[in-house]
C-alpha atoms as a PDB file:
ATOM      1  CA  MET A   1       0.000   0.000   0.000  1.00  0.00           C
ATOM      2  CA  GLU A   2       2.806   2.446   0.812  1.00  0.00           C
ATOM      3  CA  ASN A   3       4.187   2.229  -2.715  1.00  0.00           C
ATOM      4  CA  LEU A   4       0.756   3.179  -4.085  1.00  0.00           C
ATOM      5  CA  LYS A   5       0.550   6.164  -1.743  1.00  0.00           C
ATOM      6  CA  ARG A   6       4.021   7.338  -2.751  1.00  0.00           C
ATOM      7  CA  SER A   7       3.103   7.027  -6.422  1.00  0.00           C
ATOM      8  CA  GLY A   8       0.572   9.829  -5.948  1.00  0.00           C
ATOM      9  CA  ARG A   9      -2.357   7.600  -6.793  1.00  0.00           C
ATOM     10  CA  ARG A  10      -5.582   8.362  -4.982  1.00  0.00           C
ATOM     11  CA  LEU A  11      -7.176   5.195  -3.683  1.00  0.00           C
ATOM     12  CA  SER A  12     -10.809   4.367  -3.164  1.00  0.00           C
ATOM     13  CA  GLY A  13     -12.500   1.279  -1.800  1.00  0.00           C
ATOM     14  CA  THR A  14     -15.886  -0.375  -2.183  1.00  0.00           C
ATOM     15  CA  ILE A  15     -17.529  -2.862   0.126  1.00  0.00           C
ATOM     16  CA  ALA A  16     -20.735  -4.667  -0.795  1.00  0.00           C
ATOM     17  CA  LEU A  17     -23.339  -7.128   0.400  1.00  0.00           C
ATOM     18  CA  LYS A  18     -25.083  -8.787  -2.538  1.00  0.00           C
ATOM     19  CA  GLY A  19     -28.031 -11.124  -2.909  1.00  0.00           C
ATOM     20  CA  LEU A  20     -29.470 -10.800   0.611  1.00  0.00           C
ATOM     21  CA  ARG A  21     -32.756 -12.737   0.480  1.00  0.00           C
ATOM     22  CA  PHE A  22     -35.748 -11.976   2.679  1.00  0.00           C
ATOM     23  CA  HIS A  23     -39.349 -13.087   2.951  1.00  0.00           C
ATOM     24  CA  ALA A  24     -41.106  -9.808   3.742  1.00  0.00           C
ATOM     25  CA  PHE A  25     -44.556  -8.229   3.740  1.00  0.00           C
ATOM     26  CA  HIS A  26     -44.194  -5.157   1.538  1.00  0.00           C
ATOM     27  CA  GLY A  27     -46.767  -4.112  -1.022  1.00  0.00           C
ATOM     28  CA  CYS A  28     -49.916  -2.098  -1.621  1.00  0.00           C
ATOM     29  CA  PHE A  29     -52.303  -5.051  -1.773  1.00  0.00           C
ATOM     30  CA  GLY A  30     -53.757  -6.866   1.214  1.00  0.00           C
ATOM     31  CA  PHE A  31     -52.654 -10.268  -0.037  1.00  0.00           C
ATOM     32  CA  GLU A  32     -49.044  -9.031  -0.203  1.00  0.00           C
ATOM     33  CA  ARG A  33     -49.227  -8.016   3.439  1.00  0.00           C
ATOM     34  CA  GLU A  34     -50.829 -11.350   4.415  1.00  0.00           C
ATOM     35  CA  LYS A  35     -48.761 -13.845   2.414  1.00  0.00           C
ATOM     36  CA  GLY A  36     -45.616 -11.831   1.909  1.00  0.00           C
ATOM     37  CA  GLY A  37     -43.155 -12.235  -0.902  1.00  0.00           C
ATOM     38  CA  GLU A  38     -39.513 -12.794  -1.731  1.00  0.00           C
ATOM     39  CA  TYR A  39     -37.080  -9.885  -1.890  1.00  0.00           C
ATOM     40  CA  VAL A  40     -33.394  -9.483  -2.634  1.00  0.00           C
ATOM     41  CA  VAL A  41     -31.337  -6.553  -1.352  1.00  0.00           C
ATOM     42  CA  ASP A  42     -27.941  -5.425  -2.666  1.00  0.00           C
ATOM     43  CA  PHE A  43     -25.869  -2.858  -0.784  1.00  0.00           C
ATOM     44  CA  SER A  44     -22.596  -1.173  -1.626  1.00  0.00           C
ATOM     45  CA  ALA A  45     -20.553   1.690  -0.214  1.00  0.00           C
ATOM     46  CA  SER A  46     -17.574   3.361  -1.878  1.00  0.00           C
ATOM     47  CA  GLN A  47     -15.179   5.827  -0.350  1.00  0.00           C
ATOM     48  CA  CYS A  48     -11.989   7.613  -1.265  1.00  0.00           C
ATOM     49  CA  GLY A  49      -9.353   7.495   1.455  1.00  0.00           C
ATOM     50  CA  THR A  50      -9.735  10.123   4.151  1.00  0.00           C
ATOM     51  CA  ASP A  51      -6.047  11.093   3.927  1.00  0.00           C
ATOM     52  CA  GLY A  52      -5.185   9.873   7.404  1.00  0.00           C
ATOM     53  CA  ARG A  53      -7.891  11.606   9.428  1.00  0.00           C
ATOM     54  CA  ALA A  54      -8.373   9.768  12.688  1.00  0.00           C
ATOM     55  CA  GLY A  55     -11.630   8.050  13.540  1.00  0.00           C
ATOM     56  CA  GLY A  56     -14.570   7.037  11.437  1.00  0.00           C
ATOM     57  CA  VAL A  57     -14.815   4.585   8.600  1.00  0.00           C
ATOM     58  CA  ASP A  58     -11.948   4.617   6.105  1.00  0.00           C
ATOM     59  CA  LEU A  59     -12.165   1.743   3.659  1.00  0.00           C
ATOM     60  CA  VAL A  60      -8.719   2.493   2.231  1.00  0.00           C
ATOM     61  CA  ARG A  61      -7.089   2.677   5.666  1.00  0.00           C
ATOM     62  CA  ALA A  62      -8.686  -0.687   6.473  1.00  0.00           C
ATOM     63  CA  ALA A  63      -6.977  -2.214   3.436  1.00  0.00           C
ATOM     64  CA  ALA A  64      -3.626  -1.444   5.104  1.00  0.00           C
ATOM     65  CA  SER A  65      -4.471  -1.728   8.811  1.00  0.00           C
ATOM     66  CA  ASP A  66      -6.478  -4.978   8.826  1.00  0.00           C
ATOM     67  CA  ALA A  67      -8.516  -3.420  11.669  1.00  0.00           C
ATOM     68  CA  LEU A  68     -12.285  -3.891  11.878  1.00  0.00           C
ATOM     69  CA  GLY A  69     -12.582  -0.469  13.490  1.00  0.00           C
ATOM     70  CA  ASP A  70     -11.363   1.161  10.282  1.00  0.00           C
ATOM     71  CA  THR A  71     -13.921  -0.409   7.970  1.00  0.00           C
ATOM     72  CA  LEU A  72     -17.645  -0.738   7.535  1.00  0.00           C
ATOM     73  CA  ASP A  73     -18.813  -3.646   9.688  1.00  0.00           C
ATOM     74  CA  TYR A  74     -21.024  -5.468   7.237  1.00  0.00           C
ATOM     75  CA  SER A  75     -22.673  -7.486  10.008  1.00  0.00           C
ATOM     76  CA  GLU A  76     -24.056  -4.165  11.283  1.00  0.00           C
ATOM     77  CA  ILE A  77     -25.198  -3.263   7.767  1.00  0.00           C
ATOM     78  CA  TYR A  78     -26.924  -6.640   7.466  1.00  0.00           C
ATOM     79  CA  GLY A  79     -28.647  -5.992  10.808  1.00  0.00           C
ATOM     80  CA  ILE A  80     -29.961  -2.635   9.573  1.00  0.00           C
ATOM     81  CA  ILE A  81     -31.218  -4.173   6.330  1.00  0.00           C
ATOM     82  CA  SER A  82     -32.843  -7.098   8.132  1.00  0.00           C
ATOM     83  CA  ASP A  83     -34.567  -4.756  10.594  1.00  0.00           C
ATOM     84  CA  VAL A  84     -35.945  -2.551   7.806  1.00  0.00           C
ATOM     85  CA  MET A  85     -37.094  -5.570   5.798  1.00  0.00           C
ATOM     86  CA  SER A  86     -39.099  -6.798   8.805  1.00  0.00           C
ATOM     87  CA  SER A  87     -41.161  -3.580   8.891  1.00  0.00           C
ATOM     88  CA  PRO A  88     -43.733  -3.473   6.032  1.00  0.00           C
ATOM     89  CA  SER A  89     -43.871  -0.662   3.478  1.00  0.00           C
ATOM     90  CA  ASP A  90     -46.160  -0.139   0.523  1.00  0.00           C
ATOM     91  CA  LEU A  91     -43.300   0.590  -1.873  1.00  0.00           C
ATOM     92  CA  ILE A  92     -39.843  -0.868  -2.441  1.00  0.00           C
ATOM     93  CA  GLU A  93     -38.709   2.731  -2.957  1.00  0.00           C
ATOM     94  CA  ASN A  94     -39.581   3.410   0.681  1.00  0.00           C
ATOM     95  CA  VAL A  95     -37.760   0.265   1.799  1.00  0.00           C
ATOM     96  CA  ALA A  96     -34.582   1.422   0.028  1.00  0.00           C
ATOM     97  CA  GLY A  97     -34.988   4.908   1.481  1.00  0.00           C
ATOM     98  CA  ARG A  98     -35.316   3.615   5.034  1.00  0.00           C
ATOM     99  CA  ILE A  99     -32.215   1.441   4.622  1.00  0.00           C
ATOM    100  CA  MET A 100     -30.288   4.405   3.201  1.00  0.00           C
ATOM    101  CA  SER A 101     -31.401   6.668   6.021  1.00  0.00           C
ATOM    102  CA  ARG A 102     -30.394   4.221   8.766  1.00  0.00           C
ATOM    103  CA  VAL A 103     -26.990   3.491   7.189  1.00  0.00           C
ATOM    104  CA  SER A 104     -26.307   7.226   6.687  1.00  0.00           C
ATOM    105  CA  GLU A 105     -27.127   7.940  10.333  1.00  0.00           C
ATOM    106  CA  LYS A 106     -24.730   5.252  11.550  1.00  0.00           C
ATOM    107  CA  TYR A 107     -21.951   5.937   9.012  1.00  0.00           C
ATOM    108  CA  PRO A 108     -22.115   9.625   7.994  1.00  0.00           C
ATOM    109  CA  ASP A 109     -18.604   9.636   6.436  1.00  0.00           C
ATOM    110  CA  LEU A 110     -19.320   7.148   3.664  1.00  0.00           C
ATOM    111  CA  GLY A 111     -18.965   8.391   0.107  1.00  0.00           C
ATOM    112  CA  GLU A 112     -21.310   6.793  -2.394  1.00  0.00           C
ATOM    113  CA  VAL A 113     -23.891   4.394  -1.003  1.00  0.00           C
ATOM    114  CA  SER A 114     -26.174   2.290  -3.185  1.00  0.00           C
ATOM    115  CA  VAL A 115     -29.181   0.248  -2.068  1.00  0.00           C
ATOM    116  CA  THR A 116     -31.126  -1.941  -4.497  1.00  0.00           C
ATOM    117  CA  VAL A 117     -34.348  -3.690  -3.502  1.00  0.00           C
ATOM    118  CA  LYS A 118     -35.717  -6.360  -5.828  1.00  0.00           C
ATOM    119  CA  LYS A 119     -39.243  -7.651  -5.468  1.00  0.00           C
ATOM    120  CA  LEU A 120     -39.295 -11.141  -6.955  1.00  0.00           C
ATOM    121  CA  SER A 121     -42.475 -12.201  -8.766  1.00  0.00           C
ATOM    122  CA  PRO A 122     -44.437  -8.966  -8.207  1.00  0.00           C
ATOM    123  CA  PRO A 123     -48.197  -9.117  -8.800  1.00  0.00           C
ATOM    124  CA  ILE A 124     -48.005  -8.329 -12.532  1.00  0.00           C
ATOM    125  CA  GLU A 125     -49.735 -10.699 -14.891  1.00  0.00           C
ATOM    126  CA  GLY A 126     -47.315 -12.419 -17.224  1.00  0.00           C
ATOM    127  CA  ILE A 127     -44.113 -11.380 -15.429  1.00  0.00           C
ATOM    128  CA  GLY A 128     -43.214 -15.009 -14.677  1.00  0.00           C
ATOM    129  CA  GLU A 129     -39.788 -15.204 -13.079  1.00  0.00           C
ATOM    130  CA  GLY A 130     -39.181 -11.468 -13.518  1.00  0.00           C
ATOM    131  CA  TYR A 131     -38.835  -8.903 -10.776  1.00  0.00           C
ATOM    132  CA  ALA A 132     -39.310  -5.240  -9.969  1.00  0.00           C
ATOM    133  CA  GLU A 133     -36.229  -3.329  -8.822  1.00  0.00           C
ATOM    134  CA  PHE A 134     -35.459   0.053  -7.337  1.00  0.00           C
ATOM    135  CA  THR A 135     -31.991   1.481  -6.717  1.00  0.00           C
ATOM    136  CA  LEU A 136     -31.282   4.499  -4.530  1.00  0.00           C
ATOM    137  CA  VAL A 137     -27.837   6.128  -4.623  1.00  0.00           C
ATOM    138  CA  SER A 138     -26.469   8.700  -2.196  1.00  0.00           C
ATOM    139  CA  VAL A 139     -23.249  10.592  -2.848  1.00  0.00           C
ATOM    140  CA  LEU A 140     -21.426  12.515  -0.105  1.00  0.00           C
END
């Protein structure tokens, strides 16, 4: 890592959780709230190095330090996502927004954060194995 820093290159890092599956009760129709449906959530966060500032999440610093305290603890992110998924919403847009809001509160120094919520087999005639998807992106 030191040789990259000396070369003048600016480093950035991305951490992601992909394909998180949930049975949840989101939707505008009563039967969606009663029976529930299958959802997949993808999360990613990217950040340029913080140039040695102490404290807070620094994905690039974590690449060199090997210290959990320097990075985004993805078990905490999973906990946030799981908690939000257990609380019904009418729209997947709202689900993504609530995840984004909770992550941003806990980790305000993150750069770009992306949350995608996929609703598998939504109640659309003829969609078959298709899905509906919404992605929300926040840039610091």
